[in-house]
Amino acid sequence: MKMSRFAALTSSLLLAASAALFGAGQAAAATADFGYVALGDSYSSGVGAGNYDSGSGNCKRTTRAYPALWAAAHAPQTFSFAACSGARTGDVLSGQLSPLNSGTDLVSITIGGNDAGFSDVMTTCVLQSESTCVSRVNQAKAYVDSTLPGQLDQVYDAIHGRAPGAHVVVLGYPRFYKLNGTCTTGLTEGERSAINGAADYLNAAIAKRAANHGFTFASVAGAFTGHEICSGDAWLHSVNWLNIGESYHPTAAGQSGGYLPVFTNAA
């Protein structure tokens, strides 16, 4: 089994400490330095999980998001939480990359959903007809084919350029709906199926670009299976008219039970 970068570092530290204890020389080659930088959009900042840091403003970062949970559990020497609600690829390039440097060991990122029109797709599907919904989903998939790969390449190139030694984990997005589930109102099954298909389509495109850059793609679809909207035990918010920005985002349980273990296994 391939050892994760963080696990390998931890192992080397323990070996170095043992060597020093038994007089086998200095452990100068080992270092406790470990830098982690969390980039991306609302799925990384933690929108939907609540308890937002007031200092993060509209970025809505929270200690309940998987990057903060991972950092709390593993105590990297440096942790930079740059992910921001609503971020697109251009926002990552222009405003999130400054914490990266040659000493960065680990990077996580979710990005691409907003570029592909996530918010508008869901608004269209909630408010308009099934045929209009499916048409809008197909427009988003066409964008994923034609434009998103180049945008992802720009982001991934920039990350590698600033942090060439980092292990980069690119996380995907969950499917939103359990088909033929407990929901008796709201979207049609055709709309739900189209939205789930769009999530798979987006994830496949992201995974391909990540692999081409030597990054690790971590799918969360399996972790959220059985916890989709209409499952009876959802880890995702359905449409929330009182707090529309949290609609279709992971709950705190979705961050801790879905994203966190997937990221931990990939880190």
Protein backbone atom coordinates (compact mmCIF):
# COMPACT_ATOMS: atom_id res chain seq x y z
CA MET A 1 0.00 0.00 0.00
CA LYS A 2 1.35 3.39 -0.93
CA MET A 3 2.17 5.50 2.13
CA SER A 4 0.76 9.02 2.09
CA ARG A 5 3.16 11.94 2.11
CA PHE A 6 2.10 12.94 5.63
CA ALA A 7 2.37 9.38 6.93
CA ALA A 8 5.81 9.01 5.36
CA LEU A 9 6.97 12.23 7.01
CA THR A 10 5.63 11.10 10.37
CA SER A 11 7.38 7.76 10.01
CA SER A 12 10.68 9.41 9.15
CA LEU A 13 10.40 11.66 12.19
CA LEU A 14 9.85 8.68 14.49
CA LEU A 15 12.82 6.84 13.01
CA ALA A 16 15.01 9.90 13.33
CA ALA A 17 13.95 10.39 16.95
CA SER A 18 14.75 6.75 17.72
CA ALA A 19 18.14 7.06 16.08
CA ALA A 20 18.99 10.08 18.16
CA LEU A 21 17.79 8.40 21.35
CA PHE A 22 20.07 5.44 20.82
CA GLY A 23 23.07 7.49 19.80
CA ALA A 24 22.94 6.74 16.09
CA GLY A 25 23.76 10.30 15.10
CA GLN A 26 22.01 13.58 14.62
CA ALA A 27 18.52 13.74 13.14
CA ALA A 28 19.39 16.85 11.19
CA ALA A 29 17.98 15.45 7.98
CA ALA A 30 14.53 15.14 9.51
CA THR A 31 12.42 18.18 10.12
CA ALA A 32 9.12 18.76 11.88
CA ASP A 33 8.19 21.39 9.30
CA PHE A 34 5.03 20.51 7.41
CA GLY A 35 3.05 23.09 5.48
CA TYR A 36 -0.54 22.60 4.36
CA VAL A 37 -2.48 25.02 2.15
CA ALA A 38 -6.24 24.63 1.48
CA LEU A 39 -7.49 26.24 -1.72
CA GLY A 40 -10.77 26.27 -3.57
CA ASP A 41 -14.45 27.11 -3.42
CA SER A 42 -17.33 26.78 -0.97
CA TYR A 43 -17.00 23.00 -0.73
CA SER A 44 -13.57 23.57 0.82
CA SER A 45 -14.37 26.72 2.81
CA GLY A 46 -17.25 24.88 4.45
CA VAL A 47 -20.40 26.67 3.31
CA GLY A 48 -23.34 24.74 4.70
CA ALA A 49 -21.50 23.58 7.82
CA GLY A 50 -22.16 26.73 9.87
CA ASN A 51 -20.04 28.39 12.55
CA TYR A 52 -18.35 30.68 10.02
CA ASP A 53 -15.29 32.70 10.95
CA SER A 54 -16.42 36.32 10.93
CA GLY A 55 -12.93 37.34 9.88
CA SER A 56 -13.30 35.42 6.62
CA GLY A 57 -16.18 37.64 5.45
CA ASN A 58 -18.02 36.39 2.39
CA CYS A 59 -15.55 33.54 2.00
CA LYS A 60 -17.42 31.79 4.85
CA ARG A 61 -14.59 29.66 6.13
CA THR A 62 -15.35 27.47 9.11
CA THR A 63 -13.55 25.19 11.54
CA ARG A 64 -16.12 22.55 10.54
CA ALA A 65 -14.73 22.33 6.99
CA TYR A 66 -12.53 19.36 6.10
CA PRO A 67 -9.28 21.39 5.77
CA ALA A 68 -9.62 22.83 9.28
CA LEU A 69 -10.67 19.46 10.69
CA TRP A 70 -7.66 17.77 9.10
CA ALA A 71 -5.30 20.47 10.36
CA ALA A 72 -6.72 20.19 13.89
CA ALA A 73 -6.16 16.43 13.87
CA HIS A 74 -2.67 16.43 12.34
CA ALA A 75 -1.20 19.73 13.57
CA PRO A 76 0.92 20.79 10.58
CA GLN A 77 3.42 23.45 11.52
CA THR A 78 1.78 25.86 9.08
CA PHE A 79 -1.80 25.83 7.84
CA SER A 80 -3.12 28.41 5.37
CA PHE A 81 -6.87 28.32 4.77
CA ALA A 82 -7.44 30.28 1.57
CA ALA A 83 -10.58 28.60 0.17
CA CYS A 84 -13.45 31.01 -0.46
CA SER A 85 -17.15 30.68 -1.17
CA GLY A 86 -18.03 31.39 -4.79
CA ALA A 87 -14.47 30.97 -6.04
CA ARG A 88 -13.83 30.20 -9.67
CA THR A 89 -10.55 29.19 -11.25
CA GLY A 90 -9.69 32.83 -11.91
CA ASP A 91 -10.23 33.68 -8.25
CA VAL A 92 -7.81 30.97 -7.18
CA LEU A 93 -5.22 32.35 -9.59
CA SER A 94 -5.68 35.96 -8.52
CA GLY A 95 -6.27 35.64 -4.81
CA GLN A 96 -5.44 32.29 -3.23
CA LEU A 97 -1.96 31.24 -4.27
CA SER A 98 0.21 33.52 -2.15
CA PRO A 99 0.57 31.02 0.76
CA LEU A 100 2.18 28.48 -1.58
CA ASN A 101 5.97 28.21 -1.65
CA SER A 102 8.77 25.69 -1.99
CA GLY A 103 8.17 24.59 1.60
CA THR A 104 4.53 23.66 1.04
CA ASP A 105 4.10 19.91 1.49
CA LEU A 106 0.36 19.41 1.04
CA VAL A 107 -2.33 21.22 -0.98
CA SER A 108 -6.05 20.50 -1.19
CA ILE A 109 -8.49 22.05 -3.63
CA THR A 110 -12.05 21.85 -4.91
CA ILE A 111 -12.62 24.02 -7.96
CA GLY A 112 -14.53 24.01 -11.22
CA GLY A 113 -18.15 23.83 -10.10
CA ASN A 114 -18.69 27.57 -10.19
CA ASP A 115 -16.94 27.92 -13.53
CA ALA A 116 -19.35 25.33 -14.95
CA GLY A 117 -22.35 27.33 -13.69
CA PHE A 118 -23.34 25.28 -10.64
CA SER A 119 -25.50 27.99 -9.08
CA ASP A 120 -27.34 28.87 -12.27
CA VAL A 121 -27.97 25.22 -13.09
CA MET A 122 -29.60 24.62 -9.73
CA THR A 123 -31.62 27.85 -9.90
CA THR A 124 -32.88 26.91 -13.35
CA CYS A 125 -33.83 23.42 -12.29
CA VAL A 126 -35.64 24.55 -9.15
CA LEU A 127 -37.62 27.34 -10.81
CA GLN A 128 -38.24 26.15 -14.37
CA SER A 129 -39.46 23.14 -16.30
CA GLU A 130 -37.75 19.78 -16.60
CA SER A 131 -36.88 20.38 -20.25
CA THR A 132 -35.35 23.75 -19.42
CA CYS A 133 -33.42 22.18 -16.55
CA VAL A 134 -32.01 19.42 -18.74
CA SER A 135 -31.10 21.95 -21.43
CA ARG A 136 -29.19 24.05 -18.87
CA VAL A 137 -27.40 20.95 -17.58
CA ASN A 138 -26.33 20.13 -21.13
CA GLN A 139 -24.99 23.68 -21.55
CA ALA A 140 -22.91 23.20 -18.42
CA LYS A 141 -21.56 19.89 -19.73
CA ALA A 142 -20.62 21.56 -23.01
CA TYR A 143 -18.66 24.16 -21.01
CA VAL A 144 -16.91 21.34 -19.15
CA ASP A 145 -15.85 19.93 -22.51
CA SER A 146 -14.80 23.14 -24.23
CA THR A 147 -13.49 25.57 -21.63
CA LEU A 148 -13.01 24.12 -18.15
CA PRO A 149 -10.01 21.88 -18.97
CA GLY A 150 -7.90 24.88 -19.95
CA GLN A 151 -8.96 26.78 -16.84
CA LEU A 152 -8.06 23.85 -14.61
CA ASP A 153 -4.70 23.51 -16.36
CA GLN A 154 -3.91 27.14 -15.53
CA VAL A 155 -4.68 26.58 -11.85
CA TYR A 156 -2.79 23.31 -11.61
CA ASP A 157 0.22 24.74 -13.45
CA ALA A 158 0.28 27.68 -11.07
CA ILE A 159 0.10 25.45 -8.00
CA HIS A 160 2.97 23.31 -9.25
CA GLY A 161 4.99 26.37 -10.16
CA ARG A 162 4.72 27.85 -6.68
CA ALA A 163 4.90 24.60 -4.70
CA PRO A 164 6.77 22.10 -6.89
CA GLY A 165 7.33 19.61 -4.08
CA ALA A 166 3.79 19.57 -2.75
CA HIS A 167 1.45 16.60 -2.76
CA VAL A 168 -1.72 18.04 -4.32
CA VAL A 169 -5.11 16.46 -3.61
CA VAL A 170 -7.92 17.54 -5.92
CA LEU A 171 -11.29 16.62 -4.42
CA GLY A 172 -14.46 16.18 -6.43
CA TYR A 173 -18.11 16.94 -5.80
CA PRO A 174 -20.85 14.63 -4.52
CA ARG A 175 -23.93 13.52 -6.39
CA PHE A 176 -26.83 15.50 -4.97
CA TYR A 177 -29.74 13.09 -5.11
CA LYS A 178 -30.70 9.56 -4.22
CA LEU A 179 -32.95 8.55 -7.06
CA ASN A 180 -36.33 7.05 -6.19
CA GLY A 181 -35.69 8.14 -2.63
CA THR A 182 -37.80 9.66 0.11
CA CYS A 183 -38.57 13.00 -1.59
CA THR A 184 -42.19 13.37 -2.66
CA THR A 185 -42.05 16.99 -3.83
CA GLY A 186 -39.56 19.26 -5.54
CA LEU A 187 -37.59 18.32 -8.62
CA THR A 188 -38.66 15.53 -10.93
CA GLU A 189 -36.70 12.29 -11.09
CA GLY A 190 -35.59 13.32 -14.55
CA GLU A 191 -34.14 16.56 -13.20
CA ARG A 192 -32.45 14.78 -10.31
CA SER A 193 -30.93 12.23 -12.66
CA ALA A 194 -29.65 14.95 -15.00
CA ILE A 195 -28.04 16.83 -12.09
CA ASN A 196 -26.37 13.67 -10.78
CA GLY A 197 -25.10 12.95 -14.28
CA ALA A 198 -23.66 16.46 -14.51
CA ALA A 199 -21.79 15.94 -11.23
CA ASP A 200 -20.25 12.73 -12.59
CA TYR A 201 -19.38 14.48 -15.84
CA LEU A 202 -17.68 17.35 -14.01
CA ASN A 203 -15.78 14.99 -11.72
CA ALA A 204 -14.50 12.96 -14.67
CA ALA A 205 -13.14 16.10 -16.33
CA ILE A 206 -11.49 17.30 -13.12
CA ALA A 207 -9.98 13.86 -12.47
CA LYS A 208 -8.45 13.74 -15.94
CA ARG A 209 -6.83 17.15 -15.66
CA ALA A 210 -5.54 16.34 -12.14
CA ALA A 211 -4.01 13.07 -13.32
CA ASN A 212 -2.33 14.80 -16.26
CA HIS A 213 -0.59 17.09 -13.79
CA GLY A 214 0.48 14.27 -11.48
CA PHE A 215 -2.02 15.28 -8.80
CA THR A 216 -4.21 12.93 -6.77
CA PHE A 217 -7.93 13.05 -7.51
CA ALA A 218 -10.11 12.05 -4.56
CA SER A 219 -13.73 11.21 -5.32
CA VAL A 220 -16.31 11.83 -2.60
CA ALA A 221 -19.19 10.22 -4.50
CA GLY A 222 -18.80 6.93 -2.66
CA ALA A 223 -18.57 8.58 0.74
CA PHE A 224 -21.84 10.44 0.14
CA THR A 225 -23.70 7.40 -1.19
CA GLY A 226 -26.62 6.83 1.16
CA HIS A 227 -26.37 10.42 2.36
CA GLU A 228 -27.66 12.29 -0.69
CA ILE A 229 -30.74 14.50 -0.67
CA CYS A 230 -33.81 12.22 -0.62
CA SER A 231 -31.86 9.50 1.22
CA GLY A 232 -33.46 10.09 4.61
CA ASP A 233 -30.00 10.78 6.09
CA ALA A 234 -28.74 13.62 3.95
CA TRP A 235 -25.30 15.15 4.34
CA LEU A 236 -26.29 17.87 1.86
CA HIS A 237 -28.69 20.76 2.23
CA SER A 238 -31.61 20.81 -0.16
CA VAL A 239 -32.88 24.19 -1.34
CA ASN A 240 -33.07 26.49 1.68
CA TRP A 241 -35.16 29.57 0.96
CA LEU A 242 -34.16 31.15 4.28
CA ASN A 243 -30.44 30.78 3.57
CA ILE A 244 -30.18 30.22 -0.15
CA GLY A 245 -26.38 30.23 -0.19
CA GLU A 246 -26.23 27.01 1.84
CA SER A 247 -28.46 25.13 -0.60
CA TYR A 248 -26.81 22.06 -2.16
CA HIS A 249 -23.75 22.26 0.07
CA PRO A 250 -22.48 19.70 2.59
CA THR A 251 -23.67 19.93 6.16
CA ALA A 252 -21.20 19.69 9.03
CA ALA A 253 -21.73 15.91 8.89
CA GLY A 254 -20.96 15.97 5.18
CA GLN A 255 -17.66 17.69 5.88
CA SER A 256 -16.63 15.44 8.77
CA GLY A 257 -18.13 12.17 7.53
CA GLY A 258 -17.75 12.67 3.78
CA TYR A 259 -14.93 14.98 2.77
CA LEU A 260 -12.60 14.57 5.76
CA PRO A 261 -12.00 10.79 5.55
CA VAL A 262 -11.60 10.94 1.77
CA PHE A 263 -9.02 13.69 2.08
CA THR A 264 -7.26 11.96 4.98
CA ASN A 265 -6.87 8.80 2.93
CA ALA A 266 -5.45 10.76 -0.01
CA ALA A 267 -3.19 13.17 1.91
